[in-house]
Amino acid sequence: MKITENAKKVLERRYLAKDENGKPIETVEEMFERVARTIAEVDLIYDKNADVEAVKKRFYDMMVDLDFLPNSPTLMNAGRPLGQLSACFVLPVGDSMEEIFDAVKYAAIIHKSGGGTGFSFSRLRPKGATVRTTGGVASGPVSFMKVFNAATEAVKQGGTRRGANMGILRVDHPDILEFIQCKKDNNEITNFNISVAITEEFMKAVEEDRKYDLIDPHTGKVTNRLRAREVFDLIVEMAWRNGEPGIVFLDRINEKNPTPEVGEIESTNPCGEQPLLPYESCNLGSINLENMLKKVEGRYEIDYDKLKETVYDAVHFLDNVIDANKYPLPQIEEMTKGTRKIGLGVMGFANMLLRLGIPYDSDEAVELGEELMEFIDKTSKEASIKLAEKRGTFGFYDKSIYKKTGIKIRNATTTTIAPTGTISIIAGTSSGIEPVFAIAMTRNVMDNTQLVEVNPVFKKVAIERGFYSDELMREIAQKGSLKDIKGIPEDVKRVFVIAHDIDPEWHVKMQAAFQKHVDNAVSKTVNFRNEATVEDVRRTYLLAYKLGCKGVTIYRDGSRESQVLNLGIKEKKEEAKPTEEQTKKELLRPRPRPPVTRGITEKVRIGCGNLYITVNYDDQGICEVFTNLGRAGGCPSQSEATSRLISIALRSGIDAKTIVEQLKGIRCHSTLRQMATNKEIKVLSCPDAIGKVIEKVMKIRVEEEQQFAPIDVPIYENNYNGDKDDPKLEVALSETDLLEKEGLCPECGSPIEHEGGCVVCKNCGYSKCG
């Protein structure tokens, strides 16, 4: 089979079965054969004479040809002991201590099996409400979210997959203001995506600029009234700052709930594309639209016959997954088999557009997206109805909307657009319905070795049109976009746009076009440039509501990486005006270097080798710093200049603590990239290392003055005890979180992409939600 080297690397690292030493014991083809066989054998449940081999071949062929792939847990676990084939689940959170901690326990069990969880905290009574059994007061939803977050962290540290959560709160809950702002600090509740559940009543109040009611879910009484536009604007401002909260239009979701008599939908999965009843699970798979093309007279067009056949086989496959699955809880098995929801979606849409020569940000692309999804949705319903003829309807059919219509259908829902981060790497195509992230990018392949990887469609066009060169590809990789690059025809630039070239309005229009013909929801990130305004985000949220989206997630470039943002602007106190004498320049002159000093020299591992740092002091304090790079080191002149300036500052009376505060936290991308794979590296850059060694010497001097022997303090510990909100304290973050905040993958150091509230690395397949 034809897969890229990168896909092969991702499969070997994350998907293929391994022995006790971590070495793969199956090939890629054998993995697909394992999955196809396990899923095809389900046919025997419904027909003892079923031709399993023929079904297995169809399933195998569509996976090995990369026409369709199920979600990652199915590829990883089908036919293996764990057997857990779902990526995500929704759990209820009731308003009692027993129910809350049952949910914590169930979430831990799910996370242990590799799944993610969605929760609505809207049933919990608000902070300060009376608890009748104890006479105390409730701590509120946000405090319990922190309990769930801590439990997720504990399970994550003991396992290999990162637990992911979605936390949702209704906009009419009394604690909504606290919830909206609970992730204003990027280091808080890090294992959650959060979304506000928006009601139709609230949106009407926004439109009419009036107040709306906050309702205690425990008593049903109105506790307060807030001006809707002010709450909406707060949601928008928080999203502008760091992408959260997202919003889900809950009433709109429940209008399309296929089983309203079974229960009300309260939450979605962590990425937001799958609204589920309590205890339901996701069952997702995606068709590779790039492979649904055929050439006619030298031009590409959509092969609807192949697409129809693939949809039929994919629906059959996903329905079988429900029976092959080993569920983490009996309640989940009961609910999942009761509704038999499947979520067939797509990937490769952007690459399809590139092959067709259609710009993503165009009416033609939006119309094509709607046409394709209408065809897939209609065909998936036909396939589900055909399955019902042989297997019967889903368990809760009599409590469904289909009962009134008389339509006998196998699955309560059939379509979902999921983020396809890792499986799209395997398929070698673009993710979900997202535009391409970059036309070319630099990939780390070995130690300090980088390879420029170019979108294959663009490369082919560049060669055919005669403007291809290695130098041009490197320039594109450096800039990401073709926008400001000379030597590329304008018609090519118009088609090969990337996510950040596209106006946010087109992102929303595309999401809405697909949503029209999707049962569940659409995972889509609306990308903004860093300079986008709060008003830009506000318009996007309102447009998503107007066009019929079920939710929306935005990400403003750089709003999470390396940024510490303070909410509100503190008024500056009027300062006393300086006197004329004070305004005169006063030149500081460094004191002479003392003839004898004491000090330490420490070897520190950095991104480009070893850095030797010497810090000397005398009776008046620290007075000089020297640096020396080992043979493998780089940028020696910059390090020497830094150490000379520090020495002059120290001997000029500048407080050493002030210098440390300025140096610590400075980041070097070379060091951070190496940190992902070299655990000897415990610093962020050369200046960061120097600052930490100076801090260590300051501590040693204090101990000497107190007549204590010096102790060995690792320089990478955070010994600075300033204000907890000081940005320098970011160095206390885990290496994983630190690299993610830099926009780099914590496992390989490559750029990460934001998709539907999650991040994914297209180099190694790392992904995380929350």
Foldseek 3Di string as FASTA:
>chain_A
DDWDPLLQLQCLQPAADADPVSGHPDHPLVLLLLLLLLLLVLVCVQPVPDPSVVLSVVSSVCVVLLQKDWDRQSSRPRNHDLQARFAEAEAEQAADPVSLVVRLVLLLLQVLSNHEYEYEQANYFAFQPADVVVRGTDHGDLVSLQVSLVSQVVSVVVDPHRYAYEYEYEPLAPCNVCVLCQCLPVVGSVRYAYEYAYEPVLVVLLVVQHWDFRAGSVPRDTDDIDGSVVSLLSSLVSCLQFFDDWYFHQVLLQVLQFQVVVHGFRIATRLGFFTDDHLETAQEMAGEQLVQWDDDPRAIDGNLVVVLVVLLSVLSSSLSSLVSGDDSDPSNNVVCQQAVAYAYAYFQLQVNLLRNLHALLDPVSLVVLLVVLQSSLVSNQVSQLVVCVSVNAGNSNVSGPVVVVVRTGHHSFHHTQDFRFSSCLRSVHGTGNAHAAFQWAWFDDDQVDIDIDGNVSVQVVCVVVPQDDPVQSVVRRVVRACVPPPDDDPSSNRRRGHLAVHQLLSQLSNLLSNQVRGSTAHWFEREYEQPDDSVSSSVNQVVNVVSSHRIYTYGYPLSQAPDNDDPDDDDDDDDDDDDPVVPDDDDQFFDDDDPDWDWDWDWAAFLQAIKIKIWTADPVGTQFIAIDGPPRHDDPVVLRVVRVVVNRCVRSPNDLVVQLLVQAPDADLSRLQVVLPDVSHLGRHSSNLNSLRSVLVVVCVVCVVVVHHRDDDPSSDDPDDDDPSRSSCVSVDDSQSNLVSNQAHSNRGTGWDDISQKIADSSNTDIGHD
